[in-house]
Amino acid sequence: MAAMVLPNVGADVVCQDLIPSLLPCLTYLTAPGPAQPSPGCCSATSSIAEIALQSQANLQGVCTCFKSVADSGSFQINFGNAKAITKLCNLPLNIPIDSSVDCTTLTLPKTPPSSVSVSVPVPSPVPSQVFDELFR
């Protein structure tokens, strides 16, 4: 695995602290095909969403951190799965895990949720047409 240099993103976001919290999602994010995130993954991403919702700087900091992971090449991320995680874990906002995203363009929702609630998906086979719809 290549060494990954994580940016100092400022705000209340420390990338070196944030990345380990994504470990429950590693299997999902690196699955070779469509997959279902684990309850632990959805819980982890919900916690990260809570941090991102605290301020514009946090949102952009989390995005910058995720972008650095995507850019690093340290993990073979399935970007289709990364894109679907927001919907599959019922997250209150989308934070792209993508090397091409411009994090400075992300903005907080106009009416952020007062609290983040996560509906943990029940692991079950997902029909291919569901994934086809998610990845359009």
N, C-alpha and C. Protein backbone atom coordinates (compact mmCIF):
# COMPACT_ATOMS: atom_id res chain seq x y z
N MET A 1 0.85 -1.17 0.00
CA MET A 1 0.00 0.00 0.00
C MET A 1 0.89 1.23 0.00
N ALA A 2 0.58 2.19 -0.84
CA ALA A 2 1.35 3.42 -0.93
C ALA A 2 1.11 4.27 0.30
N ALA A 3 2.11 5.07 0.65
CA ALA A 3 1.95 5.99 1.78
C ALA A 3 0.95 7.06 1.38
N MET A 4 0.09 7.40 2.31
CA MET A 4 -0.93 8.40 2.04
C MET A 4 -0.63 9.63 2.87
N VAL A 5 -0.51 10.78 2.22
CA VAL A 5 -0.31 12.03 2.91
C VAL A 5 -1.67 12.69 3.02
N LEU A 6 -2.11 12.91 4.26
CA LEU A 6 -3.42 13.47 4.48
C LEU A 6 -3.30 14.98 4.72
N PRO A 7 -4.19 15.74 4.12
CA PRO A 7 -4.09 17.19 4.25
C PRO A 7 -4.50 17.68 5.64
N ASN A 8 -3.97 18.85 5.99
CA ASN A 8 -4.45 19.55 7.16
C ASN A 8 -5.58 20.43 6.67
N VAL A 9 -6.82 20.04 6.94
CA VAL A 9 -7.96 20.70 6.31
C VAL A 9 -8.56 21.82 7.15
N GLY A 10 -8.10 22.01 8.35
CA GLY A 10 -8.60 23.11 9.16
C GLY A 10 -9.96 22.82 9.76
N ALA A 11 -10.63 23.88 10.19
CA ALA A 11 -11.92 23.78 10.87
C ALA A 11 -11.79 22.80 12.03
N ASP A 12 -12.82 22.02 12.26
CA ASP A 12 -12.78 21.01 13.32
C ASP A 12 -12.51 19.64 12.74
N VAL A 13 -12.02 19.59 11.51
CA VAL A 13 -11.80 18.33 10.82
C VAL A 13 -10.31 18.04 10.76
N VAL A 14 -9.92 16.90 11.33
CA VAL A 14 -8.55 16.43 11.25
C VAL A 14 -8.60 15.14 10.46
N CYS A 15 -8.07 15.19 9.25
CA CYS A 15 -8.19 14.05 8.34
C CYS A 15 -7.62 12.77 8.97
N GLN A 16 -6.50 12.88 9.66
CA GLN A 16 -5.89 11.70 10.28
C GLN A 16 -6.82 11.06 11.31
N ASP A 17 -7.72 11.84 11.90
CA ASP A 17 -8.69 11.30 12.85
C ASP A 17 -9.94 10.78 12.14
N LEU A 18 -10.26 11.38 11.00
CA LEU A 18 -11.48 11.03 10.29
C LEU A 18 -11.38 9.71 9.53
N ILE A 19 -10.25 9.48 8.89
CA ILE A 19 -10.09 8.29 8.05
C ILE A 19 -10.27 6.99 8.83
N PRO A 20 -9.70 6.85 10.03
CA PRO A 20 -9.94 5.58 10.75
C PRO A 20 -11.42 5.31 11.03
N SER A 21 -12.22 6.37 11.15
CA SER A 21 -13.65 6.14 11.39
C SER A 21 -14.35 5.55 10.18
N LEU A 22 -13.71 5.62 9.00
CA LEU A 22 -14.29 5.02 7.80
C LEU A 22 -13.94 3.55 7.63
N LEU A 23 -13.09 3.01 8.50
CA LEU A 23 -12.68 1.61 8.35
C LEU A 23 -13.84 0.62 8.27
N PRO A 24 -14.96 0.84 8.99
CA PRO A 24 -16.07 -0.10 8.82
C PRO A 24 -16.63 -0.11 7.40
N CYS A 25 -16.29 0.89 6.59
CA CYS A 25 -16.79 0.98 5.21
C CYS A 25 -15.79 0.45 4.19
N LEU A 26 -14.61 0.07 4.63
CA LEU A 26 -13.56 -0.31 3.68
C LEU A 26 -13.98 -1.46 2.77
N THR A 27 -14.59 -2.49 3.32
CA THR A 27 -15.03 -3.63 2.51
C THR A 27 -16.06 -3.17 1.48
N TYR A 28 -17.00 -2.35 1.90
CA TYR A 28 -18.03 -1.84 0.99
C TYR A 28 -17.41 -0.95 -0.09
N LEU A 29 -16.55 -0.01 0.32
CA LEU A 29 -15.98 0.95 -0.63
C LEU A 29 -15.02 0.32 -1.63
N THR A 30 -14.46 -0.84 -1.29
CA THR A 30 -13.50 -1.48 -2.18
C THR A 30 -14.07 -2.75 -2.83
N ALA A 31 -15.35 -3.03 -2.62
CA ALA A 31 -15.98 -4.20 -3.24
C ALA A 31 -15.90 -4.05 -4.76
N PRO A 32 -15.61 -5.14 -5.48
CA PRO A 32 -15.45 -5.04 -6.93
C PRO A 32 -16.74 -4.73 -7.68
N GLY A 33 -17.87 -4.97 -7.06
CA GLY A 33 -19.15 -4.70 -7.72
C GLY A 33 -20.10 -4.06 -6.73
N PRO A 34 -21.35 -3.87 -7.12
CA PRO A 34 -22.33 -3.29 -6.20
C PRO A 34 -22.40 -4.10 -4.91
N ALA A 35 -22.51 -3.39 -3.80
CA ALA A 35 -22.54 -4.04 -2.49
C ALA A 35 -23.50 -3.29 -1.58
N GLN A 36 -23.72 -3.84 -0.43
CA GLN A 36 -24.58 -3.23 0.59
C GLN A 36 -23.70 -2.82 1.76
N PRO A 37 -23.73 -1.54 2.21
CA PRO A 37 -22.92 -1.15 3.35
C PRO A 37 -23.41 -1.84 4.63
N SER A 38 -22.47 -2.14 5.51
CA SER A 38 -22.81 -2.78 6.78
C SER A 38 -23.45 -1.75 7.72
N PRO A 39 -24.16 -2.22 8.75
CA PRO A 39 -24.68 -1.30 9.75
C PRO A 39 -23.57 -0.44 10.38
N GLY A 40 -22.39 -1.03 10.60
CA GLY A 40 -21.27 -0.28 11.16
C GLY A 40 -20.80 0.82 10.22
N CYS A 41 -20.83 0.55 8.93
CA CYS A 41 -20.46 1.54 7.93
C CYS A 41 -21.46 2.70 7.95
N CYS A 42 -22.74 2.39 7.98
CA CYS A 42 -23.76 3.45 8.00
C CYS A 42 -23.66 4.28 9.28
N SER A 43 -23.37 3.63 10.38
CA SER A 43 -23.19 4.36 11.63
C SER A 43 -21.99 5.30 11.54
N ALA A 44 -20.89 4.81 10.96
CA ALA A 44 -19.68 5.62 10.82
C ALA A 44 -19.92 6.81 9.91
N THR A 45 -20.58 6.59 8.78
CA THR A 45 -20.83 7.69 7.86
C THR A 45 -21.82 8.69 8.44
N SER A 46 -22.73 8.21 9.27
CA SER A 46 -23.66 9.12 9.96
C SER A 46 -22.90 10.03 10.91
N SER A 47 -21.93 9.47 11.63
CA SER A 47 -21.11 10.28 12.55
C SER A 47 -20.32 11.33 11.78
N ILE A 48 -19.80 10.95 10.63
CA ILE A 48 -19.04 11.89 9.80
C ILE A 48 -19.98 12.97 9.26
N ALA A 49 -21.19 12.60 8.89
CA ALA A 49 -22.17 13.58 8.41
C ALA A 49 -22.49 14.59 9.50
N GLU A 50 -22.59 14.14 10.75
CA GLU A 50 -22.84 15.05 11.87
C GLU A 50 -21.73 16.09 11.98
N ILE A 51 -20.49 15.66 11.82
CA ILE A 51 -19.36 16.58 11.86
C ILE A 51 -19.47 17.58 10.70
N ALA A 52 -19.76 17.08 9.51
CA ALA A 52 -19.85 17.93 8.32
C ALA A 52 -20.97 18.96 8.44
N LEU A 53 -22.07 18.59 9.08
CA LEU A 53 -23.22 19.49 9.20
C LEU A 53 -22.98 20.63 10.19
N GLN A 54 -21.93 20.57 10.97
CA GLN A 54 -21.69 21.60 11.99
C GLN A 54 -21.32 22.94 11.40
N SER A 55 -20.67 22.96 10.23
CA SER A 55 -20.30 24.24 9.61
C SER A 55 -19.91 24.02 8.16
N GLN A 56 -19.93 25.10 7.41
CA GLN A 56 -19.49 25.07 6.01
C GLN A 56 -18.04 24.61 5.94
N ALA A 57 -17.20 25.12 6.85
CA ALA A 57 -15.79 24.74 6.86
C ALA A 57 -15.63 23.25 7.13
N ASN A 58 -16.43 22.70 8.03
CA ASN A 58 -16.36 21.26 8.31
C ASN A 58 -16.77 20.44 7.09
N LEU A 59 -17.85 20.85 6.43
CA LEU A 59 -18.32 20.14 5.24
C LEU A 59 -17.22 20.10 4.19
N GLN A 60 -16.62 21.23 3.92
CA GLN A 60 -15.57 21.29 2.91
C GLN A 60 -14.31 20.57 3.38
N GLY A 61 -14.06 20.58 4.69
CA GLY A 61 -12.91 19.85 5.24
C GLY A 61 -13.07 18.35 5.12
N VAL A 62 -14.27 17.84 5.41
CA VAL A 62 -14.53 16.41 5.25
C VAL A 62 -14.39 16.03 3.78
N CYS A 63 -14.93 16.84 2.91
CA CYS A 63 -14.83 16.59 1.47
C CYS A 63 -13.36 16.54 1.03
N THR A 64 -12.58 17.51 1.47
CA THR A 64 -11.16 17.57 1.11
C THR A 64 -10.42 16.32 1.61
N CYS A 65 -10.78 15.88 2.79
CA CYS A 65 -10.17 14.67 3.35
C CYS A 65 -10.51 13.46 2.48
N PHE A 66 -11.80 13.31 2.16
CA PHE A 66 -12.22 12.18 1.32
C PHE A 66 -11.57 12.24 -0.06
N LYS A 67 -11.46 13.45 -0.60
CA LYS A 67 -10.84 13.62 -1.91
C LYS A 67 -9.38 13.17 -1.87
N SER A 68 -8.69 13.48 -0.77
CA SER A 68 -7.28 13.08 -0.65
C SER A 68 -7.15 11.57 -0.62
N VAL A 69 -8.11 10.89 0.01
CA VAL A 69 -8.09 9.42 0.03
C VAL A 69 -8.31 8.89 -1.39
N ALA A 70 -9.28 9.47 -2.08
CA ALA A 70 -9.56 9.04 -3.46
C ALA A 70 -8.35 9.29 -4.36
N ASP A 71 -7.68 10.43 -4.17
CA ASP A 71 -6.50 10.79 -4.98
C ASP A 71 -5.28 9.94 -4.67
N SER A 72 -5.20 9.42 -3.45
CA SER A 72 -3.99 8.75 -3.00
C SER A 72 -3.68 7.46 -3.73
N GLY A 73 -4.71 6.77 -4.19
CA GLY A 73 -4.50 5.48 -4.82
C GLY A 73 -4.18 4.39 -3.81
N SER A 74 -4.25 4.71 -2.52
CA SER A 74 -3.95 3.72 -1.48
C SER A 74 -5.01 2.62 -1.43
N PHE A 75 -6.22 2.97 -1.82
CA PHE A 75 -7.33 2.02 -1.83
C PHE A 75 -7.93 2.02 -3.22
N GLN A 76 -8.35 0.86 -3.69
CA GLN A 76 -9.03 0.74 -4.97
C GLN A 76 -10.51 0.98 -4.72
N ILE A 77 -10.90 2.23 -4.63
CA ILE A 77 -12.28 2.58 -4.29
C ILE A 77 -13.20 2.32 -5.47
N ASN A 78 -14.32 1.68 -5.18
CA ASN A 78 -15.38 1.50 -6.16
C ASN A 78 -16.23 2.78 -6.06
N PHE A 79 -16.04 3.69 -7.01
CA PHE A 79 -16.71 4.99 -6.92
C PHE A 79 -18.22 4.88 -7.09
N GLY A 80 -18.69 3.81 -7.72
CA GLY A 80 -20.13 3.58 -7.78
C GLY A 80 -20.70 3.31 -6.40
N ASN A 81 -20.01 2.47 -5.63
CA ASN A 81 -20.45 2.21 -4.26
C ASN A 81 -20.33 3.47 -3.41
N ALA A 82 -19.23 4.22 -3.59
CA ALA A 82 -19.04 5.45 -2.82
C ALA A 82 -20.18 6.43 -3.08
N LYS A 83 -20.59 6.53 -4.34
CA LYS A 83 -21.68 7.44 -4.70
C LYS A 83 -23.01 6.99 -4.08
N ALA A 84 -23.23 5.71 -3.96
CA ALA A 84 -24.51 5.17 -3.46
C ALA A 84 -24.65 5.21 -1.95
N ILE A 85 -23.56 5.41 -1.23
CA ILE A 85 -23.61 5.28 0.23
C ILE A 85 -24.57 6.28 0.88
N THR A 86 -24.66 7.48 0.32
CA THR A 86 -25.56 8.49 0.89
C THR A 86 -27.00 7.97 0.91
N LYS A 87 -27.43 7.42 -0.21
CA LYS A 87 -28.81 6.92 -0.31
C LYS A 87 -29.00 5.64 0.50
N LEU A 88 -28.05 4.71 0.40
CA LEU A 88 -28.20 3.42 1.08
C LEU A 88 -28.16 3.54 2.60
N CYS A 89 -27.44 4.55 3.10
CA CYS A 89 -27.35 4.75 4.56
C CYS A 89 -28.27 5.87 5.04
N ASN A 90 -29.08 6.42 4.14
CA ASN A 90 -30.03 7.49 4.48
C ASN A 90 -29.34 8.67 5.17
N LEU A 91 -28.24 9.11 4.59
CA LEU A 91 -27.49 10.22 5.17
C LEU A 91 -28.18 11.55 4.85
N PRO A 92 -28.04 12.54 5.72
CA PRO A 92 -28.73 13.82 5.52
C PRO A 92 -28.08 14.72 4.48
N LEU A 93 -26.88 14.36 4.01
CA LEU A 93 -26.22 15.13 2.96
C LEU A 93 -25.24 14.24 2.24
N ASN A 94 -24.87 14.66 1.05
CA ASN A 94 -23.94 13.89 0.24
C ASN A 94 -22.57 14.53 0.33
N ILE A 95 -21.58 13.75 0.74
CA ILE A 95 -20.19 14.18 0.74
C ILE A 95 -19.47 13.23 -0.21
N PRO A 96 -19.13 13.71 -1.38
CA PRO A 96 -18.54 12.81 -2.38
C PRO A 96 -17.18 12.26 -1.97
N ILE A 97 -16.97 10.99 -2.27
CA ILE A 97 -15.65 10.38 -2.16
C ILE A 97 -15.22 10.22 -3.61
N ASP A 98 -14.57 11.26 -4.13
CA ASP A 98 -14.29 11.34 -5.56
C ASP A 98 -13.11 12.27 -5.77
N SER A 99 -12.18 11.86 -6.60
CA SER A 99 -11.00 12.68 -6.84
C SER A 99 -11.29 13.90 -7.72
N SER A 100 -12.44 13.93 -8.39
CA SER A 100 -12.72 15.03 -9.30
C SER A 100 -13.64 16.10 -8.70
N VAL A 101 -14.09 15.94 -7.46
CA VAL A 101 -15.01 16.89 -6.86
C VAL A 101 -14.28 18.18 -6.47
N ASP A 102 -14.97 19.31 -6.63
CA ASP A 102 -14.45 20.60 -6.17
C ASP A 102 -15.12 20.87 -4.82
N CYS A 103 -14.40 20.61 -3.76
CA CYS A 103 -14.96 20.71 -2.41
C CYS A 103 -15.40 22.13 -2.06
N THR A 104 -14.84 23.13 -2.71
CA THR A 104 -15.22 24.51 -2.40
C THR A 104 -16.63 24.84 -2.88
N THR A 105 -17.21 23.99 -3.73
CA THR A 105 -18.56 24.25 -4.23
C THR A 105 -19.64 23.62 -3.35
N LEU A 106 -19.25 22.79 -2.39
CA LEU A 106 -20.25 22.15 -1.52
C LEU A 106 -20.78 23.16 -0.51
N THR A 107 -22.09 23.11 -0.30
CA THR A 107 -22.71 23.99 0.69
C THR A 107 -23.62 23.18 1.59
N LEU A 108 -23.81 23.69 2.78
CA LEU A 108 -24.71 23.04 3.73
C LEU A 108 -26.15 23.15 3.23
N PRO A 109 -27.00 22.18 3.60
CA PRO A 109 -28.42 22.30 3.25
C PRO A 109 -28.98 23.57 3.89
N LYS A 110 -29.94 24.21 3.22
CA LYS A 110 -30.53 25.44 3.74
C LYS A 110 -31.23 25.21 5.08
N THR A 111 -31.84 24.06 5.23
CA THR A 111 -32.48 23.71 6.49
C THR A 111 -31.90 22.38 6.96
N PRO A 112 -30.73 22.44 7.63
CA PRO A 112 -30.12 21.19 8.07
C PRO A 112 -31.01 20.48 9.09
N PRO A 113 -30.96 19.18 9.11
CA PRO A 113 -31.74 18.44 10.10
C PRO A 113 -31.27 18.79 11.50
N SER A 114 -32.20 18.82 12.45
CA SER A 114 -31.83 19.15 13.82
C SER A 114 -30.99 18.05 14.44
N SER A 115 -31.21 16.84 14.01
CA SER A 115 -30.36 15.74 14.43
C SER A 115 -30.31 14.73 13.30
N VAL A 116 -29.22 14.05 13.21
CA VAL A 116 -29.04 13.07 12.15
C VAL A 116 -29.58 11.74 12.66
N SER A 117 -30.49 11.17 11.93
CA SER A 117 -30.97 9.84 12.29
C SER A 117 -30.61 8.89 11.17
N VAL A 118 -30.18 7.73 11.56
CA VAL A 118 -29.74 6.76 10.58
C VAL A 118 -30.67 5.57 10.60
N SER A 119 -31.13 5.21 9.46
CA SER A 119 -31.88 3.98 9.30
C SER A 119 -30.90 2.95 8.75
N VAL A 120 -30.54 2.00 9.58
CA VAL A 120 -29.55 1.02 9.19
C VAL A 120 -30.19 0.00 8.26
N PRO A 121 -29.59 -0.18 7.08
CA PRO A 121 -30.18 -1.13 6.14
C PRO A 121 -30.05 -2.57 6.62
N VAL A 122 -31.03 -3.35 6.29
CA VAL A 122 -30.99 -4.77 6.60
C VAL A 122 -30.23 -5.45 5.46
N PRO A 123 -29.12 -6.14 5.79
CA PRO A 123 -28.37 -6.78 4.70
C PRO A 123 -29.24 -7.79 3.97
N SER A 124 -29.36 -7.56 2.69
CA SER A 124 -30.12 -8.48 1.85
C SER A 124 -29.65 -8.27 0.42
N PRO A 125 -29.87 -9.24 -0.43
CA PRO A 125 -29.49 -9.06 -1.82
C PRO A 125 -30.26 -7.88 -2.41
N VAL A 126 -29.57 -7.05 -3.17
CA VAL A 126 -30.20 -5.90 -3.78
C VAL A 126 -30.33 -6.18 -5.28
N PRO A 127 -31.53 -6.08 -5.81
CA PRO A 127 -31.71 -6.35 -7.24
C PRO A 127 -30.84 -5.42 -8.08
N SER A 128 -30.35 -5.92 -9.18
CA SER A 128 -29.45 -5.13 -10.02
C SER A 128 -30.11 -3.86 -10.54
N GLN A 129 -31.43 -3.87 -10.73
CA GLN A 129 -32.09 -2.66 -11.24
C GLN A 129 -32.02 -1.51 -10.23
N VAL A 130 -31.96 -1.81 -8.93
CA VAL A 130 -31.80 -0.77 -7.92
C VAL A 130 -30.45 -0.10 -8.10
N PHE A 131 -29.39 -0.90 -8.28
CA PHE A 131 -28.06 -0.34 -8.47
C PHE A 131 -27.97 0.40 -9.81
N ASP A 132 -28.62 -0.11 -10.83
CA ASP A 132 -28.63 0.58 -12.12
C ASP A 132 -29.21 1.98 -11.95
N GLU A 133 -30.29 2.10 -11.14
CA GLU A 133 -30.92 3.39 -10.92
C GLU A 133 -29.99 4.31 -10.11
N LEU A 134 -29.30 3.76 -9.12
CA LEU A 134 -28.41 4.57 -8.28
C LEU A 134 -27.22 5.10 -9.04
N PHE A 135 -26.72 4.34 -10.00
CA PHE A 135 -25.47 4.70 -10.66
C PHE A 135 -25.67 5.40 -12.00
N ARG A 136 -26.86 5.86 -12.29
CA ARG A 136 -27.08 6.61 -13.55
C ARG A 136 -26.47 7.96 -13.45
